[in-house]
Amino acid sequence: MTQLEDLLQQIRACRICEEHLVLGPRPVLRASATAKLLIVGQAPGTKVHASGIPWDDQSGKRLRQWLGMEPNEFYNEQKVAIVPMGFCYPGKGKSGDLPPRPECAQHWHQQVLGLLPNVELTLLVGKYAQDYFLGKQAKATLTKTVANWHAYLPQHMPMPHPSPRNQFWLKHNPWFEQDIVPFLRMRVRQLLP
């Protein structure tokens, strides 16, 4: 067993924030030391919690469309690592799911990221990932950060969350799908021919 495989096994058995999880712990992530693309989203929703498959919902369908990827390629962990900010479903809030539990990033992220030496591009899906990875370089709003996407290349690519709840944002920011998505698809094809 490799160091990464051992770490993933430890993470999947994690119970650090169990008392805060209404559905109980079920860490969902995928990674391989050979992955060139890293996708960092927020946290699993109820459907992903039930299936144990990351992005196994309408958000994932839209994300794969944005990337121009079929499911078999998207779920090939030899090429694509999926490490959300929170590994378990955090519960329901007033306007959607609660924020990702902070314990995952605090306890596990640096260990996992340190074992992904071949990642060339990290997709920062949503504000939680952008704030964590970009720190003070993130703009005041997700819209400003995504609009300034060139500044974060070649390492990071900030994106809105592909949730159906973001229809309003996408409608009012058509430049994302018109200008950024074609670049993103091209970059993914370069990384994963």
N, C-alpha and C. Protein backbone atom coordinates (compact mmCIF):
# COMPACT_ATOMS: atom_id res chain seq x y z
N MET A 1 0.84 -1.18 0.00
CA MET A 1 0.00 0.00 0.00
C MET A 1 0.88 1.25 0.00
N THR A 2 0.55 2.20 -0.88
CA THR A 2 1.33 3.43 -0.94
C THR A 2 0.94 4.35 0.21
N GLN A 3 1.74 5.38 0.41
CA GLN A 3 1.45 6.36 1.46
C GLN A 3 0.11 7.04 1.21
N LEU A 4 -0.18 7.36 -0.06
CA LEU A 4 -1.45 7.99 -0.40
C LEU A 4 -2.63 7.04 -0.15
N GLU A 5 -2.49 5.81 -0.55
CA GLU A 5 -3.57 4.82 -0.32
C GLU A 5 -3.84 4.66 1.17
N ASP A 6 -2.77 4.63 1.95
CA ASP A 6 -2.93 4.53 3.40
C ASP A 6 -3.65 5.76 3.96
N LEU A 7 -3.28 6.94 3.48
CA LEU A 7 -3.91 8.17 3.93
C LEU A 7 -5.39 8.21 3.54
N LEU A 8 -5.71 7.81 2.32
CA LEU A 8 -7.11 7.79 1.89
C LEU A 8 -7.93 6.83 2.75
N GLN A 9 -7.33 5.73 3.12
CA GLN A 9 -8.00 4.76 4.00
C GLN A 9 -8.28 5.39 5.37
N GLN A 10 -7.30 6.14 5.88
CA GLN A 10 -7.48 6.83 7.16
C GLN A 10 -8.60 7.87 7.06
N ILE A 11 -8.60 8.62 5.96
CA ILE A 11 -9.63 9.66 5.77
C ILE A 11 -11.02 9.03 5.68
N ARG A 12 -11.13 7.95 4.95
CA ARG A 12 -12.44 7.30 4.79
C ARG A 12 -12.96 6.72 6.11
N ALA A 13 -12.06 6.52 7.06
CA ALA A 13 -12.46 6.03 8.39
C ALA A 13 -12.59 7.18 9.40
N CYS A 14 -12.41 8.41 8.95
CA CYS A 14 -12.39 9.58 9.84
C CYS A 14 -13.74 9.78 10.53
N ARG A 15 -13.66 10.14 11.80
CA ARG A 15 -14.86 10.41 12.61
C ARG A 15 -14.67 11.70 13.42
N ILE A 16 -13.75 12.55 13.01
CA ILE A 16 -13.40 13.76 13.78
C ILE A 16 -14.60 14.63 14.10
N CYS A 17 -15.48 14.86 13.13
CA CYS A 17 -16.61 15.77 13.37
C CYS A 17 -17.95 15.04 13.38
N GLU A 18 -17.93 13.77 13.68
CA GLU A 18 -19.12 12.91 13.64
C GLU A 18 -20.31 13.51 14.38
N GLU A 19 -20.06 14.14 15.52
CA GLU A 19 -21.16 14.68 16.33
C GLU A 19 -21.91 15.81 15.63
N HIS A 20 -21.32 16.41 14.59
CA HIS A 20 -21.93 17.52 13.88
C HIS A 20 -22.66 17.09 12.60
N LEU A 21 -22.56 15.83 12.24
CA LEU A 21 -23.07 15.36 10.95
C LEU A 21 -24.41 14.65 11.12
N VAL A 22 -25.48 15.26 10.61
CA VAL A 22 -26.82 14.70 10.80
C VAL A 22 -26.99 13.34 10.14
N LEU A 23 -26.30 13.09 9.04
CA LEU A 23 -26.38 11.80 8.37
C LEU A 23 -25.22 10.88 8.73
N GLY A 24 -24.37 11.34 9.63
CA GLY A 24 -23.21 10.54 10.02
C GLY A 24 -22.06 10.74 9.04
N PRO A 25 -20.87 10.28 9.38
CA PRO A 25 -19.71 10.45 8.52
C PRO A 25 -19.73 9.49 7.33
N ARG A 26 -19.38 9.99 6.18
CA ARG A 26 -19.13 9.19 4.99
C ARG A 26 -18.21 10.02 4.09
N PRO A 27 -16.92 10.05 4.41
CA PRO A 27 -15.98 10.84 3.61
C PRO A 27 -15.95 10.38 2.15
N VAL A 28 -16.10 11.36 1.25
CA VAL A 28 -16.12 11.08 -0.19
C VAL A 28 -15.00 11.87 -0.86
N LEU A 29 -14.03 11.17 -1.42
CA LEU A 29 -12.94 11.79 -2.17
C LEU A 29 -12.27 10.71 -3.00
N ARG A 30 -11.50 11.15 -3.99
CA ARG A 30 -10.73 10.24 -4.85
C ARG A 30 -9.40 10.91 -5.18
N ALA A 31 -8.36 10.11 -5.22
CA ALA A 31 -7.06 10.69 -5.55
C ALA A 31 -6.07 9.60 -5.94
N SER A 32 -5.13 9.99 -6.76
CA SER A 32 -4.02 9.13 -7.16
C SER A 32 -2.81 10.03 -7.38
N ALA A 33 -1.64 9.51 -7.09
CA ALA A 33 -0.41 10.30 -7.26
C ALA A 33 -0.17 10.68 -8.71
N THR A 34 -0.83 10.01 -9.66
CA THR A 34 -0.64 10.30 -11.08
C THR A 34 -1.58 11.37 -11.61
N ALA A 35 -2.58 11.78 -10.81
CA ALA A 35 -3.59 12.75 -11.27
C ALA A 35 -2.95 14.07 -11.66
N LYS A 36 -3.41 14.61 -12.79
CA LYS A 36 -2.92 15.91 -13.26
C LYS A 36 -3.92 17.03 -13.01
N LEU A 37 -5.19 16.65 -12.83
CA LEU A 37 -6.25 17.62 -12.58
C LEU A 37 -6.81 17.36 -11.18
N LEU A 38 -6.92 18.42 -10.38
CA LEU A 38 -7.49 18.33 -9.05
C LEU A 38 -8.75 19.19 -9.02
N ILE A 39 -9.85 18.61 -8.55
CA ILE A 39 -11.10 19.34 -8.42
C ILE A 39 -11.39 19.48 -6.93
N VAL A 40 -11.50 20.74 -6.49
CA VAL A 40 -11.80 21.02 -5.09
C VAL A 40 -13.14 21.76 -5.05
N GLY A 41 -14.17 21.06 -4.58
CA GLY A 41 -15.48 21.66 -4.43
C GLY A 41 -15.76 21.97 -2.97
N GLN A 42 -17.03 21.98 -2.62
CA GLN A 42 -17.43 22.34 -1.27
C GLN A 42 -17.50 21.11 -0.37
N ALA A 43 -18.58 20.36 -0.49
CA ALA A 43 -18.79 19.14 0.31
C ALA A 43 -19.88 18.34 -0.38
N PRO A 44 -19.94 17.04 -0.13
CA PRO A 44 -20.98 16.23 -0.76
C PRO A 44 -22.38 16.68 -0.34
N GLY A 45 -23.32 16.55 -1.26
CA GLY A 45 -24.73 16.74 -0.94
C GLY A 45 -25.33 15.41 -0.51
N THR A 46 -26.64 15.37 -0.32
CA THR A 46 -27.28 14.15 0.15
C THR A 46 -27.19 13.01 -0.85
N LYS A 47 -27.29 13.32 -2.15
CA LYS A 47 -27.22 12.26 -3.16
C LYS A 47 -25.82 11.64 -3.19
N VAL A 48 -24.80 12.49 -3.11
CA VAL A 48 -23.42 11.98 -3.09
C VAL A 48 -23.15 11.23 -1.79
N HIS A 49 -23.70 11.71 -0.69
CA HIS A 49 -23.56 11.00 0.58
C HIS A 49 -24.13 9.59 0.44
N ALA A 50 -25.29 9.48 -0.21
CA ALA A 50 -25.95 8.18 -0.37
C ALA A 50 -25.16 7.24 -1.28
N SER A 51 -24.62 7.77 -2.38
CA SER A 51 -23.94 6.92 -3.37
C SER A 51 -22.46 6.71 -3.05
N GLY A 52 -21.84 7.68 -2.39
CA GLY A 52 -20.40 7.62 -2.13
C GLY A 52 -19.57 7.97 -3.35
N ILE A 53 -20.23 8.49 -4.40
CA ILE A 53 -19.54 8.86 -5.64
C ILE A 53 -19.54 10.38 -5.75
N PRO A 54 -18.36 11.02 -5.79
CA PRO A 54 -18.32 12.48 -5.85
C PRO A 54 -18.98 13.03 -7.11
N TRP A 55 -19.64 14.14 -6.96
CA TRP A 55 -20.29 14.84 -8.08
C TRP A 55 -21.32 13.95 -8.79
N ASP A 56 -21.95 13.05 -8.05
CA ASP A 56 -22.96 12.14 -8.59
C ASP A 56 -24.35 12.77 -8.46
N ASP A 57 -24.51 13.95 -9.08
CA ASP A 57 -25.76 14.69 -8.98
C ASP A 57 -25.84 15.68 -10.14
N GLN A 58 -26.83 16.55 -10.12
CA GLN A 58 -27.00 17.51 -11.21
C GLN A 58 -25.81 18.48 -11.29
N SER A 59 -25.24 18.84 -10.15
CA SER A 59 -24.05 19.71 -10.16
C SER A 59 -22.91 19.02 -10.90
N GLY A 60 -22.74 17.74 -10.65
CA GLY A 60 -21.68 16.99 -11.32
C GLY A 60 -21.92 16.88 -12.82
N LYS A 61 -23.15 16.73 -13.19
CA LYS A 61 -23.50 16.65 -14.62
C LYS A 61 -23.10 17.95 -15.32
N ARG A 62 -23.43 19.09 -14.70
CA ARG A 62 -23.06 20.37 -15.29
C ARG A 62 -21.54 20.56 -15.28
N LEU A 63 -20.89 20.18 -14.19
CA LEU A 63 -19.43 20.31 -14.12
C LEU A 63 -18.77 19.51 -15.24
N ARG A 64 -19.21 18.28 -15.46
CA ARG A 64 -18.64 17.46 -16.54
C ARG A 64 -18.90 18.10 -17.90
N GLN A 65 -20.06 18.72 -18.05
CA GLN A 65 -20.36 19.42 -19.31
C GLN A 65 -19.38 20.59 -19.48
N TRP A 66 -19.19 21.38 -18.43
CA TRP A 66 -18.24 22.49 -18.51
C TRP A 66 -16.85 22.01 -18.89
N LEU A 67 -16.45 20.87 -18.35
CA LEU A 67 -15.10 20.36 -18.61
C LEU A 67 -15.00 19.61 -19.93
N GLY A 68 -16.14 19.27 -20.52
CA GLY A 68 -16.14 18.48 -21.75
C GLY A 68 -15.67 17.06 -21.50
N MET A 69 -16.07 16.50 -20.36
CA MET A 69 -15.61 15.17 -19.97
C MET A 69 -16.78 14.20 -19.83
N GLU A 70 -16.56 12.98 -20.28
CA GLU A 70 -17.52 11.90 -20.07
C GLU A 70 -17.29 11.34 -18.66
N PRO A 71 -18.30 10.72 -18.07
CA PRO A 71 -18.13 10.19 -16.71
C PRO A 71 -16.94 9.24 -16.54
N ASN A 72 -16.70 8.36 -17.53
CA ASN A 72 -15.59 7.41 -17.37
C ASN A 72 -14.24 8.12 -17.26
N GLU A 73 -14.07 9.24 -17.93
CA GLU A 73 -12.82 10.00 -17.83
C GLU A 73 -12.79 10.81 -16.54
N PHE A 74 -13.91 11.44 -16.22
CA PHE A 74 -14.01 12.26 -15.01
C PHE A 74 -13.71 11.43 -13.76
N TYR A 75 -14.19 10.20 -13.74
CA TYR A 75 -14.00 9.35 -12.56
C TYR A 75 -12.75 8.46 -12.63
N ASN A 76 -11.86 8.75 -13.56
CA ASN A 76 -10.58 8.03 -13.64
C ASN A 76 -9.61 8.71 -12.68
N GLU A 77 -9.49 8.17 -11.47
CA GLU A 77 -8.67 8.84 -10.47
C GLU A 77 -7.18 8.83 -10.80
N GLN A 78 -6.78 8.05 -11.78
CA GLN A 78 -5.39 8.12 -12.24
C GLN A 78 -5.12 9.47 -12.91
N LYS A 79 -6.20 10.11 -13.42
CA LYS A 79 -6.08 11.40 -14.11
C LYS A 79 -6.67 12.55 -13.31
N VAL A 80 -7.77 12.29 -12.59
CA VAL A 80 -8.51 13.34 -11.91
C VAL A 80 -8.64 13.02 -10.42
N ALA A 81 -8.13 13.92 -9.59
CA ALA A 81 -8.31 13.81 -8.14
C ALA A 81 -9.47 14.70 -7.74
N ILE A 82 -10.31 14.21 -6.83
CA ILE A 82 -11.45 14.98 -6.34
C ILE A 82 -11.34 15.03 -4.83
N VAL A 83 -10.99 16.21 -4.33
CA VAL A 83 -10.75 16.40 -2.90
C VAL A 83 -11.54 17.64 -2.45
N PRO A 84 -12.77 17.46 -1.97
CA PRO A 84 -13.56 18.63 -1.57
C PRO A 84 -13.05 19.27 -0.28
N MET A 85 -13.54 20.48 -0.01
CA MET A 85 -13.15 21.16 1.22
C MET A 85 -13.64 20.40 2.45
N GLY A 86 -14.82 19.84 2.35
CA GLY A 86 -15.37 18.98 3.40
C GLY A 86 -15.68 17.63 2.79
N PHE A 87 -15.30 16.57 3.45
CA PHE A 87 -15.45 15.24 2.85
C PHE A 87 -16.82 14.61 3.09
N CYS A 88 -17.55 15.13 4.08
CA CYS A 88 -18.86 14.56 4.43
C CYS A 88 -19.97 15.58 4.24
N TYR A 89 -21.19 15.09 4.08
CA TYR A 89 -22.35 15.97 3.97
C TYR A 89 -22.50 16.74 5.28
N PRO A 90 -22.48 18.09 5.22
CA PRO A 90 -22.49 18.89 6.45
C PRO A 90 -23.87 19.14 7.06
N GLY A 91 -24.94 18.84 6.32
CA GLY A 91 -26.28 19.10 6.82
C GLY A 91 -26.94 20.24 6.06
N LYS A 92 -28.20 20.45 6.36
CA LYS A 92 -29.02 21.44 5.66
C LYS A 92 -29.03 22.75 6.41
N GLY A 93 -28.90 23.85 5.65
CA GLY A 93 -28.99 25.19 6.22
C GLY A 93 -30.24 25.89 5.73
N LYS A 94 -30.35 27.19 6.00
CA LYS A 94 -31.53 27.96 5.60
C LYS A 94 -31.67 28.08 4.09
N SER A 95 -30.55 28.24 3.39
CA SER A 95 -30.62 28.44 1.93
C SER A 95 -29.72 27.43 1.21
N GLY A 96 -29.88 26.17 1.55
CA GLY A 96 -29.05 25.12 0.94
C GLY A 96 -28.27 24.39 2.00
N ASP A 97 -27.25 23.67 1.55
CA ASP A 97 -26.43 22.91 2.50
C ASP A 97 -25.58 23.84 3.36
N LEU A 98 -25.25 23.36 4.54
CA LEU A 98 -24.35 24.11 5.42
C LEU A 98 -22.96 24.19 4.80
N PRO A 99 -22.12 25.10 5.28
CA PRO A 99 -20.74 25.16 4.78
C PRO A 99 -20.00 23.86 5.09
N PRO A 100 -18.94 23.57 4.33
CA PRO A 100 -18.12 22.39 4.63
C PRO A 100 -17.58 22.47 6.06
N ARG A 101 -17.53 21.34 6.73
CA ARG A 101 -16.94 21.31 8.06
C ARG A 101 -15.46 21.69 7.94
N PRO A 102 -14.95 22.54 8.82
CA PRO A 102 -13.56 23.00 8.71
C PRO A 102 -12.52 21.95 9.09
N GLU A 103 -12.94 20.91 9.81
CA GLU A 103 -11.98 19.92 10.29
C GLU A 103 -11.23 19.21 9.16
N CYS A 104 -11.90 18.99 8.03
CA CYS A 104 -11.26 18.27 6.92
C CYS A 104 -10.02 19.01 6.42
N ALA A 105 -10.23 20.29 6.11
CA ALA A 105 -9.10 21.08 5.60
C ALA A 105 -8.01 21.18 6.65
N GLN A 106 -8.41 21.43 7.90
CA GLN A 106 -7.43 21.60 8.97
C GLN A 106 -6.61 20.34 9.21
N HIS A 107 -7.26 19.20 9.16
CA HIS A 107 -6.58 17.96 9.53
C HIS A 107 -6.00 17.18 8.35
N TRP A 108 -6.64 17.24 7.19
CA TRP A 108 -6.27 16.34 6.11
C TRP A 108 -5.69 16.97 4.84
N HIS A 109 -6.11 18.19 4.51
CA HIS A 109 -5.79 18.72 3.18
C HIS A 109 -4.30 18.76 2.85
N GLN A 110 -3.51 19.32 3.73
CA GLN A 110 -2.08 19.43 3.42
C GLN A 110 -1.43 18.06 3.22
N GLN A 111 -1.89 17.08 3.99
CA GLN A 111 -1.35 15.72 3.84
C GLN A 111 -1.70 15.16 2.46
N VAL A 112 -2.96 15.31 2.05
CA VAL A 112 -3.38 14.78 0.74
C VAL A 112 -2.67 15.53 -0.38
N LEU A 113 -2.72 16.85 -0.34
CA LEU A 113 -2.13 17.65 -1.42
C LEU A 113 -0.64 17.39 -1.56
N GLY A 114 0.02 17.13 -0.46
CA GLY A 114 1.45 16.82 -0.50
C GLY A 114 1.78 15.51 -1.21
N LEU A 115 0.77 14.67 -1.40
CA LEU A 115 0.97 13.37 -2.05
C LEU A 115 0.40 13.35 -3.48
N LEU A 116 0.14 14.56 -4.02
CA LEU A 116 -0.35 14.68 -5.40
C LEU A 116 0.65 15.51 -6.21
N PRO A 117 1.82 14.94 -6.48
CA PRO A 117 2.91 15.71 -7.09
C PRO A 117 2.72 16.07 -8.56
N ASN A 118 1.79 15.42 -9.24
CA ASN A 118 1.64 15.64 -10.67
C ASN A 118 0.51 16.57 -11.05
N VAL A 119 -0.19 17.12 -10.05
CA VAL A 119 -1.30 18.03 -10.35
C VAL A 119 -0.76 19.29 -11.02
N GLU A 120 -1.32 19.58 -12.19
CA GLU A 120 -0.91 20.78 -12.94
C GLU A 120 -1.96 21.87 -12.90
N LEU A 121 -3.22 21.48 -12.64
CA LEU A 121 -4.30 22.47 -12.57
C LEU A 121 -5.28 22.06 -11.47
N THR A 122 -5.62 23.03 -10.62
CA THR A 122 -6.59 22.81 -9.56
C THR A 122 -7.80 23.68 -9.82
N LEU A 123 -8.96 23.03 -10.00
CA LEU A 123 -10.21 23.76 -10.18
C LEU A 123 -10.76 24.10 -8.80
N LEU A 124 -10.97 25.38 -8.56
CA LEU A 124 -11.48 25.85 -7.28
C LEU A 124 -12.96 26.16 -7.47
N VAL A 125 -13.79 25.18 -7.12
CA VAL A 125 -15.22 25.26 -7.40
C VAL A 125 -15.95 25.84 -6.20
N GLY A 126 -16.29 27.11 -6.28
CA GLY A 126 -17.00 27.78 -5.21
C GLY A 126 -16.09 28.59 -4.30
N LYS A 127 -16.70 29.44 -3.53
CA LYS A 127 -15.96 30.40 -2.71
C LYS A 127 -15.14 29.76 -1.58
N TYR A 128 -15.63 28.69 -1.00
CA TYR A 128 -14.87 28.06 0.09
C TYR A 128 -13.50 27.58 -0.40
N ALA A 129 -13.48 26.93 -1.56
CA ALA A 129 -12.21 26.45 -2.13
C ALA A 129 -11.33 27.63 -2.54
N GLN A 130 -11.94 28.64 -3.12
CA GLN A 130 -11.17 29.81 -3.57
C GLN A 130 -10.52 30.53 -2.39
N ASP A 131 -11.28 30.74 -1.33
CA ASP A 131 -10.71 31.42 -0.17
C ASP A 131 -9.59 30.61 0.48
N TYR A 132 -9.75 29.29 0.54
CA TYR A 132 -8.74 28.44 1.16
C TYR A 132 -7.45 28.41 0.34
N PHE A 133 -7.56 28.21 -0.95
CA PHE A 133 -6.37 28.06 -1.79
C PHE A 133 -5.75 29.39 -2.19
N LEU A 134 -6.56 30.41 -2.40
CA LEU A 134 -6.03 31.69 -2.89
C LEU A 134 -5.71 32.66 -1.76
N GLY A 135 -6.30 32.44 -0.59
CA GLY A 135 -6.02 33.32 0.54
C GLY A 135 -6.29 34.77 0.21
N LYS A 136 -5.31 35.62 0.48
CA LYS A 136 -5.47 37.07 0.26
C LYS A 136 -5.55 37.44 -1.22
N GLN A 137 -5.18 36.50 -2.11
CA GLN A 137 -5.29 36.78 -3.54
C GLN A 137 -6.72 36.67 -4.05
N ALA A 138 -7.59 36.01 -3.27
CA ALA A 138 -9.01 35.93 -3.65
C ALA A 138 -9.62 37.33 -3.54
N LYS A 139 -10.53 37.62 -4.43
CA LYS A 139 -11.21 38.91 -4.41
C LYS A 139 -12.33 38.87 -3.37
N ALA A 140 -12.98 40.00 -3.18
CA ALA A 140 -14.02 40.12 -2.15
C ALA A 140 -15.23 39.23 -2.44
N THR A 141 -15.50 38.98 -3.72
CA THR A 141 -16.65 38.15 -4.07
C THR A 141 -16.22 37.04 -5.02
N LEU A 142 -17.02 36.00 -5.07
CA LEU A 142 -16.76 34.91 -6.02
C LEU A 142 -16.76 35.45 -7.45
N THR A 143 -17.70 36.31 -7.78
CA THR A 143 -17.79 36.86 -9.14
C THR A 143 -16.50 37.57 -9.53
N LYS A 144 -15.97 38.39 -8.64
CA LYS A 144 -14.72 39.10 -8.94
C LYS A 144 -13.55 38.14 -9.06
N THR A 145 -13.52 37.12 -8.22
CA THR A 145 -12.43 36.14 -8.30
C THR A 145 -12.49 35.38 -9.61
N VAL A 146 -13.68 34.90 -9.99
CA VAL A 146 -13.84 34.15 -11.24
C VAL A 146 -13.54 35.06 -12.44
N ALA A 147 -13.99 36.30 -12.40
CA ALA A 147 -13.73 37.23 -13.49
C ALA A 147 -12.23 37.51 -13.67
N ASN A 148 -11.47 37.35 -12.60
CA ASN A 148 -10.03 37.60 -12.62
C ASN A 148 -9.23 36.30 -12.79
N TRP A 149 -9.84 35.29 -13.40
CA TRP A 149 -9.29 33.94 -13.49
C TRP A 149 -7.89 33.87 -14.08
N HIS A 150 -7.58 34.74 -15.04
CA HIS A 150 -6.24 34.72 -15.67
C HIS A 150 -5.12 34.87 -14.63
N ALA A 151 -5.39 35.65 -13.60
CA ALA A 151 -4.36 35.96 -12.60
C ALA A 151 -3.94 34.73 -11.80
N TYR A 152 -4.76 33.69 -11.79
CA TYR A 152 -4.48 32.52 -10.95
C TYR A 152 -3.88 31.35 -11.74
N LEU A 153 -3.83 31.50 -13.04
CA LEU A 153 -3.24 30.45 -13.87
C LEU A 153 -1.72 30.50 -13.77
N PRO A 154 -1.01 29.45 -14.03
CA PRO A 154 -1.49 28.17 -14.54
C PRO A 154 -1.91 27.18 -13.46
N GLN A 155 -1.73 27.54 -12.19
CA GLN A 155 -1.96 26.57 -11.11
C GLN A 155 -3.43 26.41 -10.74
N HIS A 156 -4.16 27.52 -10.64
CA HIS A 156 -5.53 27.49 -10.16
C HIS A 156 -6.51 28.06 -11.18
N MET A 157 -7.72 27.54 -11.15
CA MET A 157 -8.81 28.02 -12.00
C MET A 157 -10.05 28.18 -11.12
N PRO A 158 -10.41 29.43 -10.73
CA PRO A 158 -11.60 29.62 -9.93
C PRO A 158 -12.86 29.50 -10.78
N MET A 159 -13.89 28.88 -10.21
CA MET A 159 -15.14 28.65 -10.93
C MET A 159 -16.31 28.84 -9.97
N PRO A 160 -17.49 29.16 -10.53
CA PRO A 160 -18.68 29.13 -9.69
C PRO A 160 -19.07 27.69 -9.43
N HIS A 161 -19.92 27.47 -8.46
CA HIS A 161 -20.42 26.12 -8.24
C HIS A 161 -21.43 25.80 -9.33
N PRO A 162 -21.40 24.59 -9.89
CA PRO A 162 -22.31 24.24 -10.98
C PRO A 162 -23.72 23.84 -10.52
N SER A 163 -24.05 24.12 -9.29
CA SER A 163 -25.35 23.75 -8.73
C SER A 163 -26.51 24.37 -9.53
N PRO A 164 -27.61 23.65 -9.66
CA PRO A 164 -28.81 24.25 -10.27
C PRO A 164 -29.26 25.51 -9.53
N ARG A 165 -28.90 25.64 -8.25
CA ARG A 165 -29.24 26.85 -7.48
C ARG A 165 -28.52 28.08 -8.02
N ASN A 166 -27.48 27.88 -8.83
CA ASN A 166 -26.70 29.01 -9.36
C ASN A 166 -27.19 29.48 -10.72
N GLN A 167 -28.39 29.09 -11.13
CA GLN A 167 -28.94 29.55 -12.41
C GLN A 167 -28.93 31.06 -12.50
N PHE A 168 -29.31 31.74 -11.42
CA PHE A 168 -29.36 33.20 -11.40
C PHE A 168 -27.97 33.78 -11.70
N TRP A 169 -26.95 33.23 -11.03
CA TRP A 169 -25.58 33.73 -11.23
C TRP A 169 -25.16 33.52 -12.68
N LEU A 170 -25.40 32.34 -13.22
CA LEU A 170 -24.99 32.04 -14.59
C LEU A 170 -25.72 32.92 -15.60
N LYS A 171 -27.00 33.19 -15.34
CA LYS A 171 -27.78 34.05 -16.23
C LYS A 171 -27.23 35.47 -16.23
N HIS A 172 -26.81 35.95 -15.07
CA HIS A 172 -26.30 37.32 -14.96
C HIS A 172 -24.81 37.47 -15.23
N ASN A 173 -24.14 36.36 -15.45
CA ASN A 173 -22.71 36.37 -15.77
C ASN A 173 -22.45 35.44 -16.96
N PRO A 174 -23.05 35.74 -18.12
CA PRO A 174 -22.93 34.84 -19.28
C PRO A 174 -21.49 34.70 -19.77
N TRP A 175 -20.63 35.62 -19.42
CA TRP A 175 -19.23 35.57 -19.83
C TRP A 175 -18.54 34.31 -19.33
N PHE A 176 -19.03 33.74 -18.21
CA PHE A 176 -18.38 32.53 -17.70
C PHE A 176 -18.50 31.40 -18.72
N GLU A 177 -19.70 31.10 -19.15
CA GLU A 177 -19.89 29.99 -20.10
C GLU A 177 -19.43 30.36 -21.51
N GLN A 178 -19.48 31.65 -21.86
CA GLN A 178 -19.06 32.07 -23.20
C GLN A 178 -17.54 32.11 -23.35
N ASP A 179 -16.86 32.61 -22.34
CA ASP A 179 -15.41 32.85 -22.45
C ASP A 179 -14.54 31.87 -21.68
N ILE A 180 -14.94 31.55 -20.48
CA ILE A 180 -14.09 30.73 -19.62
C ILE A 180 -14.24 29.24 -19.90
N VAL A 181 -15.47 28.77 -20.09
CA VAL A 181 -15.68 27.33 -20.32
C VAL A 181 -14.91 26.83 -21.54
N PRO A 182 -14.91 27.53 -22.69
CA PRO A 182 -14.10 27.04 -23.82
C PRO A 182 -12.61 26.92 -23.48
N PHE A 183 -12.08 27.90 -22.75
CA PHE A 183 -10.67 27.82 -22.34
C PHE A 183 -10.47 26.61 -21.43
N LEU A 184 -11.38 26.43 -20.49
CA LEU A 184 -11.28 25.32 -19.54
C LEU A 184 -11.27 23.98 -20.26
N ARG A 185 -12.16 23.81 -21.23
CA ARG A 185 -12.20 22.56 -22.00
C ARG A 185 -10.89 22.33 -22.74
N MET A 186 -10.37 23.38 -23.34
CA MET A 186 -9.10 23.27 -24.06
C MET A 186 -7.98 22.86 -23.11
N ARG A 187 -7.94 23.49 -21.93
CA ARG A 187 -6.88 23.20 -20.96
C ARG A 187 -6.99 21.77 -20.45
N VAL A 188 -8.21 21.29 -20.22
CA VAL A 188 -8.41 19.91 -19.78
C VAL A 188 -7.93 18.94 -20.84
N ARG A 189 -8.21 19.24 -22.11
CA ARG A 189 -7.76 18.37 -23.22
C ARG A 189 -6.23 18.34 -23.30
N GLN A 190 -5.59 19.47 -23.01
CA GLN A 190 -4.13 19.49 -23.01
C GLN A 190 -3.57 18.64 -21.89
N LEU A 191 -4.19 18.72 -20.71
CA LEU A 191 -3.73 17.95 -19.56
C LEU A 191 -4.01 16.47 -19.68
N LEU A 192 -5.19 16.16 -20.21
CA LEU A 192 -5.66 14.78 -20.25
C LEU A 192 -6.00 14.39 -21.69
N PRO A 193 -4.99 14.24 -22.55
CA PRO A 193 -5.26 13.95 -23.97
C PRO A 193 -5.94 12.59 -24.16
